Amino acid sequence: MDRLKVQQLADQLVATGQLPQALVEYQKLRRAFPEDQGIMNRLGDLLVQAGATKEALAIFKVLALNLQRDGYDKKAIALLRKALRLAPEDPEAVGQLSELLMASGLTKEAAKLQIDLAHTFEKLGRAEDALAALIRAANADPFDANLRFRLAQAYVATGQKERAAGLYAEAAEELMTAGRQEEAQDALQIATDLVKSAKLYLLQAKLFHHMGQQPKSVHILKEALKAFPLNPILQEALAGAQMEAGHARQCLEVLGQLRQIHSRILPLCERALRPLIQERHLPTALNLYRPIAEALAAKGSSMEVCQTLLRAAEGYEHPTVHIFVGEIQSQGERKEAAIDALNHALELAAQQKTSTLRNKIRHLIDALVQAG
């Protein structure tokens, strides 16, 4: 086939208004030269003129793929934009263009295309397709908080409440970090209306903490433990919230109720012990601390337990503190350290001239010595 001759004929037919005949000639050219991008583009334009939008769109999509394959991304983007002016609701063309835009760093435009497509699907009642488009939009622009809210609504529309709540929670955390506390509170409220989870309660408590409303933080965590009793993460959070609210005693009470006590709670114990000891509530402090100390001593952490207490009691020398240390060291099989602590307690008791306490300490030391 003489390409130049056929093309000239086709163009003459177009010039004289004989569009159907021109299309016949261009279809011949396309069959003869299927990879020729100029011919494909011209054929697509002529199909548009003839009102054959569907056929033109199919040509443009194939041509865009060829351009992309050959490394002409900008030309492919321009072509797909033209194609979408013909059929803005074509999901395949939207997908092609979105991919190219993202690869070119034009993420905002890519996300908008998918949002517009989602809106179209919503109007048609195609909730699943709308959700898929919004997921693609969120992948294109993951930092758009409004988009995340819209995606969450789409999850709700398709019955996926847990996923929706997760998105609201993520948005709430970001809003909290940005100092937009009231908006964060609204987002969390929507999330908790959808599902109940320990994580959401923790976020609510964290938000109230950021807002300086410690009693509310404590209240939320207490409510959470009614829904999720003995949840260790919630218990530790409640202990911390009680301490922030100035309730040292309640903090230690909660920590003592943990099923599995870990040494990571010792810094919080120290914070709670210090004000109780300074306010001369030593017996209360030691009674609350004992179950924690004994549990950790049984795990081999008696030294850390005792150091925690001694730091908390710094500046307040009392034999009872060192008696406690001696008992804990003894339970942790640290006999020498226990005797040292009890001897120090004995010295303090002698200074205070408390014979009853001295006799008790001597009895403890004798028991340790006899035990070897």
Protein backbone atom coordinates (compact mmCIF):
# COMPACT_ATOMS: atom_id res chain seq x y z
CA MET A 1 0.00 0.00 0.00
CA ASP A 2 1.21 3.46 -0.87
CA ARG A 3 0.77 5.11 2.53
CA LEU A 4 1.28 8.68 1.34
CA LYS A 5 -1.19 8.31 -1.51
CA VAL A 6 -3.93 6.80 0.68
CA GLN A 7 -3.41 9.43 3.39
CA GLN A 8 -3.64 12.27 0.88
CA LEU A 9 -6.86 10.79 -0.46
CA ALA A 10 -8.32 10.49 3.03
CA ASP A 11 -7.42 14.09 3.86
CA GLN A 12 -9.03 15.29 0.62
CA LEU A 13 -12.19 13.42 1.55
CA VAL A 14 -12.20 15.10 4.96
CA ALA A 15 -11.68 18.52 3.32
CA THR A 16 -14.67 17.98 1.04
CA GLY A 17 -16.90 16.83 3.89
CA GLN A 18 -16.87 13.15 2.95
CA LEU A 19 -16.10 11.94 6.47
CA PRO A 20 -17.45 8.33 6.22
CA GLN A 21 -15.30 7.70 3.13
CA ALA A 22 -12.27 9.28 4.86
CA LEU A 23 -12.77 6.96 7.82
CA VAL A 24 -12.73 3.95 5.50
CA GLU A 25 -9.35 5.04 4.12
CA TYR A 26 -7.90 5.67 7.59
CA GLN A 27 -9.09 2.27 8.79
CA LYS A 28 -7.18 0.75 5.85
CA LEU A 29 -4.09 2.70 6.92
CA ARG A 30 -4.43 1.53 10.53
CA ARG A 31 -4.67 -2.12 9.48
CA ALA A 32 -1.62 -1.70 7.28
CA PHE A 33 0.41 0.29 9.84
CA PRO A 34 -0.95 -0.75 13.26
CA GLU A 35 1.96 0.82 15.21
CA ASP A 36 1.87 4.19 13.49
CA GLN A 37 0.92 6.66 16.21
CA GLY A 38 0.15 9.53 13.84
CA ILE A 39 -2.39 7.44 11.94
CA MET A 40 -4.04 6.27 15.19
CA ASN A 41 -4.31 9.81 16.52
CA ARG A 42 -5.81 11.10 13.27
CA LEU A 43 -8.26 8.20 13.12
CA GLY A 44 -9.35 8.92 16.71
CA ASP A 45 -9.95 12.61 15.91
CA LEU A 46 -12.01 11.69 12.85
CA LEU A 47 -14.11 9.23 14.85
CA VAL A 48 -14.83 12.05 17.33
CA GLN A 49 -15.95 14.27 14.43
CA ALA A 50 -18.19 11.46 13.22
CA GLY A 51 -19.75 11.12 16.67
CA ALA A 52 -18.28 7.64 17.21
CA THR A 53 -17.06 8.53 20.70
CA LYS A 54 -16.80 4.96 21.98
CA GLU A 55 -14.60 3.87 19.08
CA ALA A 56 -12.48 7.02 19.37
CA LEU A 57 -11.95 6.43 23.08
CA ALA A 58 -10.78 2.87 22.44
CA ILE A 59 -8.25 4.17 19.89
CA PHE A 60 -6.95 6.86 22.26
CA LYS A 61 -6.49 4.39 25.12
CA VAL A 62 -4.47 2.00 22.98
CA LEU A 63 -2.42 4.89 21.61
CA ALA A 64 -1.75 6.16 25.15
CA LEU A 65 -0.43 2.73 26.13
CA ASN A 66 1.87 2.73 23.11
CA LEU A 67 3.15 6.20 23.95
CA GLN A 68 3.75 5.19 27.54
CA ARG A 69 5.56 2.04 26.42
CA ASP A 70 7.86 4.13 24.23
CA GLY A 71 8.63 6.56 27.07
CA TYR A 72 6.45 9.46 25.93
CA ASP A 73 4.60 9.90 29.23
CA LYS A 74 3.77 13.58 28.71
CA LYS A 75 2.19 12.85 25.32
CA ALA A 76 0.27 9.93 26.85
CA ILE A 77 -1.04 12.20 29.63
CA ALA A 78 -2.16 14.87 27.13
CA LEU A 79 -3.90 12.24 25.02
CA LEU A 80 -5.73 10.70 27.98
CA ARG A 81 -6.84 14.11 29.15
CA LYS A 82 -8.34 14.60 25.71
CA ALA A 83 -9.97 11.17 25.92
CA LEU A 84 -11.53 11.96 29.29
CA ARG A 85 -13.09 15.11 27.92
CA LEU A 86 -15.03 12.75 25.66
CA ALA A 87 -15.91 10.24 28.38
CA PRO A 88 -15.10 11.55 31.88
CA GLU A 89 -16.64 8.49 33.52
CA ASP A 90 -14.58 5.85 31.74
CA PRO A 91 -12.87 3.95 34.62
CA GLU A 92 -10.18 2.45 32.41
CA ALA A 93 -9.08 5.82 31.05
CA VAL A 94 -9.20 7.33 34.54
CA GLY A 95 -7.04 4.48 35.81
CA GLN A 96 -4.50 4.88 33.00
CA LEU A 97 -4.24 8.62 33.48
CA SER A 98 -4.03 8.32 37.28
CA GLU A 99 -1.12 5.90 37.01
CA LEU A 100 0.76 8.22 34.68
CA LEU A 101 0.06 11.28 36.82
CA MET A 102 1.30 9.53 39.96
CA ALA A 103 4.45 8.37 38.17
CA SER A 104 5.00 11.99 37.13
CA GLY A 105 4.50 13.29 40.67
CA LEU A 106 1.11 14.88 39.92
CA THR A 107 -0.58 13.10 42.81
CA LYS A 108 -3.22 15.75 43.55
CA GLU A 109 -4.60 15.58 40.02
CA ALA A 110 -4.50 11.78 40.11
CA ALA A 111 -6.48 11.75 43.36
CA LYS A 112 -9.05 14.23 42.00
CA LEU A 113 -9.68 12.04 38.97
CA GLN A 114 -10.48 9.08 41.19
CA ILE A 115 -12.65 11.23 43.49
CA ASP A 116 -14.69 12.45 40.52
CA LEU A 117 -15.06 8.87 39.33
CA ALA A 118 -16.19 7.80 42.80
CA HIS A 119 -18.80 10.56 42.79
CA THR A 120 -20.13 9.26 39.50
CA PHE A 121 -20.35 5.72 40.85
CA GLU A 122 -22.12 6.97 43.98
CA LYS A 123 -24.77 8.67 41.84
CA LEU A 124 -25.26 5.39 39.99
CA GLY A 125 -25.63 3.50 43.27
CA ARG A 126 -22.43 1.51 42.66
CA ALA A 127 -21.08 1.70 46.22
CA GLU A 128 -18.35 -0.94 45.78
CA ASP A 129 -16.97 0.77 42.67
CA ALA A 130 -17.08 4.14 44.44
CA LEU A 131 -15.14 2.65 47.36
CA ALA A 132 -12.50 1.20 45.01
CA ALA A 133 -12.04 4.59 43.34
CA LEU A 134 -11.69 6.35 46.70
CA ILE A 135 -9.10 3.80 47.85
CA ARG A 136 -7.08 4.59 44.72
CA ALA A 137 -7.50 8.31 45.43
CA ALA A 138 -6.27 7.87 49.01
CA ASN A 139 -3.27 5.89 47.75
CA ALA A 140 -2.47 8.75 45.37
CA ASP A 141 -2.76 11.43 48.06
CA PRO A 142 -2.46 9.77 51.50
CA PHE A 143 -2.07 13.06 53.39
CA ASP A 144 -5.45 14.52 52.47
CA ALA A 145 -7.51 14.34 55.69
CA ASN A 146 -10.79 15.24 53.93
CA LEU A 147 -10.23 12.45 51.45
CA ARG A 148 -9.71 10.02 54.32
CA PHE A 149 -13.04 11.07 55.83
CA ARG A 150 -14.76 10.51 52.51
CA LEU A 151 -13.17 7.09 52.17
CA ALA A 152 -14.35 6.25 55.69
CA GLN A 153 -17.92 7.17 54.68
CA ALA A 154 -17.59 4.86 51.69
CA TYR A 155 -16.50 2.03 53.99
CA VAL A 156 -19.58 2.67 56.14
CA ALA A 157 -21.78 2.57 53.02
CA THR A 158 -20.41 -0.88 52.20
CA GLY A 159 -20.82 -2.16 55.76
CA GLN A 160 -17.10 -2.09 56.65
CA LYS A 161 -17.44 -0.22 59.93
CA GLU A 162 -14.14 -1.35 61.47
CA ARG A 163 -12.14 -0.04 58.52
CA ALA A 164 -14.06 3.20 58.62
CA ALA A 165 -13.37 3.59 62.34
CA GLY A 166 -9.67 2.95 61.71
CA LEU A 167 -9.55 5.80 59.21
CA TYR A 168 -11.36 8.17 61.56
CA ALA A 169 -8.88 7.20 64.29
CA GLU A 170 -5.89 7.88 62.00
CA ALA A 171 -7.33 11.26 61.08
CA ALA A 172 -7.96 12.04 64.75
CA GLU A 173 -4.32 11.32 65.61
CA GLU A 174 -3.11 13.64 62.86
CA LEU A 175 -5.53 16.37 63.91
CA MET A 176 -4.40 15.97 67.51
CA THR A 177 -0.75 16.33 66.49
CA ALA A 178 -1.68 19.43 64.49
CA GLY A 179 -3.29 20.96 67.58
CA ARG A 180 -6.82 20.73 66.14
CA GLN A 181 -8.24 19.10 69.26
CA GLU A 182 -11.94 19.75 68.71
CA GLU A 183 -11.86 18.28 65.20
CA ALA A 184 -9.92 15.31 66.55
CA GLN A 185 -12.61 14.83 69.20
CA ASP A 186 -15.34 14.86 66.53
CA ALA A 187 -13.49 12.27 64.45
CA LEU A 188 -13.01 10.01 67.47
CA GLN A 189 -16.65 10.32 68.42
CA ILE A 190 -17.69 9.11 64.97
CA ALA A 191 -15.22 6.22 65.25
CA THR A 192 -16.51 5.12 68.66
CA ASP A 193 -20.11 5.36 67.42
CA LEU A 194 -19.15 2.83 64.73
CA VAL A 195 -17.18 0.34 66.84
CA LYS A 196 -15.85 -0.11 70.35
CA SER A 197 -12.18 -0.97 70.72
CA ALA A 198 -9.43 -0.59 73.30
CA LYS A 199 -7.39 1.43 70.82
CA LEU A 200 -10.15 4.01 70.37
CA TYR A 201 -10.57 4.38 74.13
CA LEU A 202 -6.81 4.91 74.44
CA LEU A 203 -6.93 7.60 71.76
CA GLN A 204 -9.78 9.36 73.51
CA ALA A 205 -7.84 9.32 76.78
CA LYS A 206 -4.75 10.61 75.00
CA LEU A 207 -6.78 13.43 73.46
CA PHE A 208 -8.16 14.53 76.84
CA HIS A 209 -4.62 14.40 78.22
CA HIS A 210 -3.47 16.73 75.42
CA MET A 211 -6.35 19.03 76.25
CA GLY A 212 -5.31 19.10 79.92
CA GLN A 213 -8.51 17.36 81.04
CA GLN A 214 -6.98 14.60 83.18
CA PRO A 215 -10.19 13.63 85.07
CA LYS A 216 -11.89 12.94 81.73
CA SER A 217 -8.92 10.86 80.63
CA VAL A 218 -9.24 8.79 83.81
CA HIS A 219 -13.02 8.42 83.31
CA ILE A 220 -12.63 7.23 79.72
CA LEU A 221 -10.08 4.57 80.71
CA LYS A 222 -12.29 3.34 83.55
CA GLU A 223 -15.15 2.98 81.06
CA ALA A 224 -12.78 1.17 78.72
CA LEU A 225 -11.90 -1.37 81.40
CA LYS A 226 -15.59 -2.10 81.91
CA ALA A 227 -15.78 -3.02 78.23
CA PHE A 228 -12.37 -4.74 78.16
CA PRO A 229 -11.72 -5.94 81.73
CA LEU A 230 -8.12 -6.67 82.78
CA ASN A 231 -6.73 -5.39 79.49
CA PRO A 232 -3.10 -4.72 80.51
CA ILE A 233 -2.56 -1.87 78.06
CA LEU A 234 -5.66 -0.10 79.35
CA GLN A 235 -4.65 -0.77 82.96
CA GLU A 236 -1.20 0.73 82.47
CA ALA A 237 -2.75 3.70 80.66
CA LEU A 238 -5.20 4.20 83.53
CA ALA A 239 -2.35 4.07 86.06
CA GLY A 240 -0.51 6.74 84.08
CA ALA A 241 -3.65 8.87 83.80
CA GLN A 242 -4.26 8.60 87.55
CA MET A 243 -0.72 9.80 88.16
CA GLU A 244 -1.17 12.73 85.75
CA ALA A 245 -4.36 13.61 87.62
CA GLY A 246 -2.38 13.68 90.89
CA HIS A 247 -3.75 10.41 92.27
CA ALA A 248 -0.59 8.55 93.30
CA ARG A 249 -2.41 6.04 95.49
CA GLN A 250 -4.86 5.06 92.77
CA CYS A 251 -1.97 4.77 90.33
CA LEU A 252 -0.25 2.14 92.49
CA GLU A 253 -3.57 0.36 93.15
CA VAL A 254 -4.10 -0.10 89.40
CA LEU A 255 -0.52 -1.26 88.81
CA GLY A 256 -0.87 -3.81 91.62
CA GLN A 257 -3.88 -5.32 89.81
CA LEU A 258 -1.90 -6.20 86.69
CA ARG A 259 -1.88 -9.91 85.95
CA GLN A 260 1.59 -9.75 84.43
CA ILE A 261 3.81 -7.19 86.12
CA HIS A 262 6.83 -6.01 84.11
CA SER A 263 9.79 -3.91 85.15
CA ARG A 264 8.77 -1.24 82.59
CA ILE A 265 6.23 0.05 85.13
CA LEU A 266 8.94 0.86 87.70
CA PRO A 267 9.48 4.48 86.56
CA LEU A 268 5.75 5.09 87.04
CA CYS A 269 5.91 3.37 90.45
CA GLU A 270 8.73 5.71 91.45
CA ARG A 271 6.67 8.76 90.44
CA ALA A 272 3.72 7.50 92.50
CA LEU A 273 5.77 6.47 95.55
CA ARG A 274 7.62 9.77 95.86
CA PRO A 275 4.66 12.06 96.81
CA LEU A 276 3.20 9.44 99.15
CA ILE A 277 6.48 9.11 101.02
CA GLN A 278 7.07 12.86 101.10
CA GLU A 279 3.59 13.36 102.53
CA ARG A 280 4.42 10.85 105.30
CA HIS A 281 2.16 8.08 103.99
CA LEU A 282 4.97 5.53 104.08
CA PRO A 283 2.95 2.52 105.33
CA THR A 284 0.34 3.09 102.60
CA ALA A 285 3.05 3.49 99.96
CA LEU A 286 4.81 0.28 100.98
CA ASN A 287 1.58 -1.73 101.21
CA LEU A 288 0.59 -0.67 97.69
CA TYR A 289 4.07 -1.28 96.33
CA ARG A 290 4.54 -4.70 97.97
CA PRO A 291 2.61 -6.88 95.45
CA ILE A 292 4.45 -5.19 92.59
CA ALA A 293 7.81 -5.56 94.31
CA GLU A 294 7.28 -9.19 95.22
CA ALA A 295 6.11 -10.13 91.73
CA LEU A 296 9.18 -8.54 90.15
CA ALA A 297 11.54 -9.99 92.77
CA ALA A 298 10.23 -13.44 91.82
CA LYS A 299 11.28 -12.65 88.25
CA GLY A 300 14.81 -11.71 89.29
CA SER A 301 14.36 -7.93 89.38
CA SER A 302 14.72 -7.38 93.14
CA MET A 303 17.62 -4.96 92.70
CA GLU A 304 15.65 -2.71 90.31
CA VAL A 305 12.62 -2.85 92.62
CA CYS A 306 14.68 -1.72 95.63
CA GLN A 307 16.49 1.00 93.70
CA THR A 308 13.11 2.35 92.61
CA LEU A 309 11.94 2.60 96.21
CA LEU A 310 15.19 4.15 97.46
CA ARG A 311 15.12 6.81 94.75
CA ALA A 312 11.50 7.61 95.61
CA ALA A 313 12.38 7.88 99.31
CA GLU A 314 15.49 9.98 98.75
CA GLY A 315 15.79 12.60 101.49
CA TYR A 316 13.51 10.64 103.84
CA GLU A 317 15.58 8.17 105.86
CA HIS A 318 13.40 5.72 107.76
CA PRO A 319 14.21 2.20 108.97
CA THR A 320 10.94 0.84 107.56
CA VAL A 321 12.13 1.64 104.02
CA HIS A 322 15.30 -0.42 104.50
CA ILE A 323 13.42 -3.24 106.22
CA PHE A 324 11.25 -3.42 103.10
CA VAL A 325 14.38 -3.43 100.91
CA GLY A 326 15.85 -6.24 103.02
CA GLU A 327 12.71 -8.33 102.69
CA ILE A 328 12.55 -7.89 98.92
CA GLN A 329 16.27 -8.62 98.48
CA SER A 330 15.80 -11.74 100.57
CA GLN A 331 12.91 -12.91 98.38
CA GLY A 332 15.12 -12.31 95.37
CA GLU A 333 17.76 -14.61 96.87
CA ARG A 334 20.13 -11.69 97.43
CA LYS A 335 20.96 -12.51 101.08
CA GLU A 336 24.01 -10.31 101.50
CA ALA A 337 22.23 -7.29 100.06
CA ALA A 338 19.29 -8.07 102.35
CA ILE A 339 21.51 -8.16 105.45
CA ASP A 340 23.20 -4.89 104.41
CA ALA A 341 19.79 -3.22 104.07
CA LEU A 342 18.66 -4.56 107.46
CA ASN A 343 21.87 -3.44 109.18
CA HIS A 344 21.27 0.05 107.78
CA ALA A 345 17.71 -0.12 109.10
CA LEU A 346 19.10 -1.16 112.49
CA GLU A 347 21.38 1.90 112.59
CA LEU A 348 18.47 4.20 111.78
CA ALA A 349 16.28 2.50 114.41
CA ALA A 350 19.06 2.97 116.99
CA GLN A 351 19.25 6.65 116.16
CA GLN A 352 15.50 6.93 116.62
CA LYS A 353 15.66 4.89 119.84
CA THR A 354 12.85 2.53 118.84
CA SER A 355 13.61 -0.68 120.74
CA THR A 356 10.62 -2.61 119.34
CA LEU A 357 11.73 -1.93 115.79
CA ARG A 358 15.35 -2.81 116.63
CA ASN A 359 14.25 -6.17 118.01
CA LYS A 360 12.24 -6.86 114.87
CA ILE A 361 15.21 -6.03 112.64
CA ARG A 362 17.58 -8.21 114.70
CA HIS A 363 15.12 -11.08 114.39
CA LEU A 364 15.05 -10.66 110.60
CA ILE A 365 18.85 -10.58 110.41
CA ASP A 366 19.15 -13.70 112.59
CA ALA A 367 16.65 -15.52 110.40
CA LEU A 368 18.68 -14.68 107.30
CA VAL A 369 21.95 -15.76 108.90
CA GLN A 370 20.47 -19.05 110.06
CA ALA A 371 19.18 -19.62 106.52
CA GLY A 372 22.79 -19.40 105.35
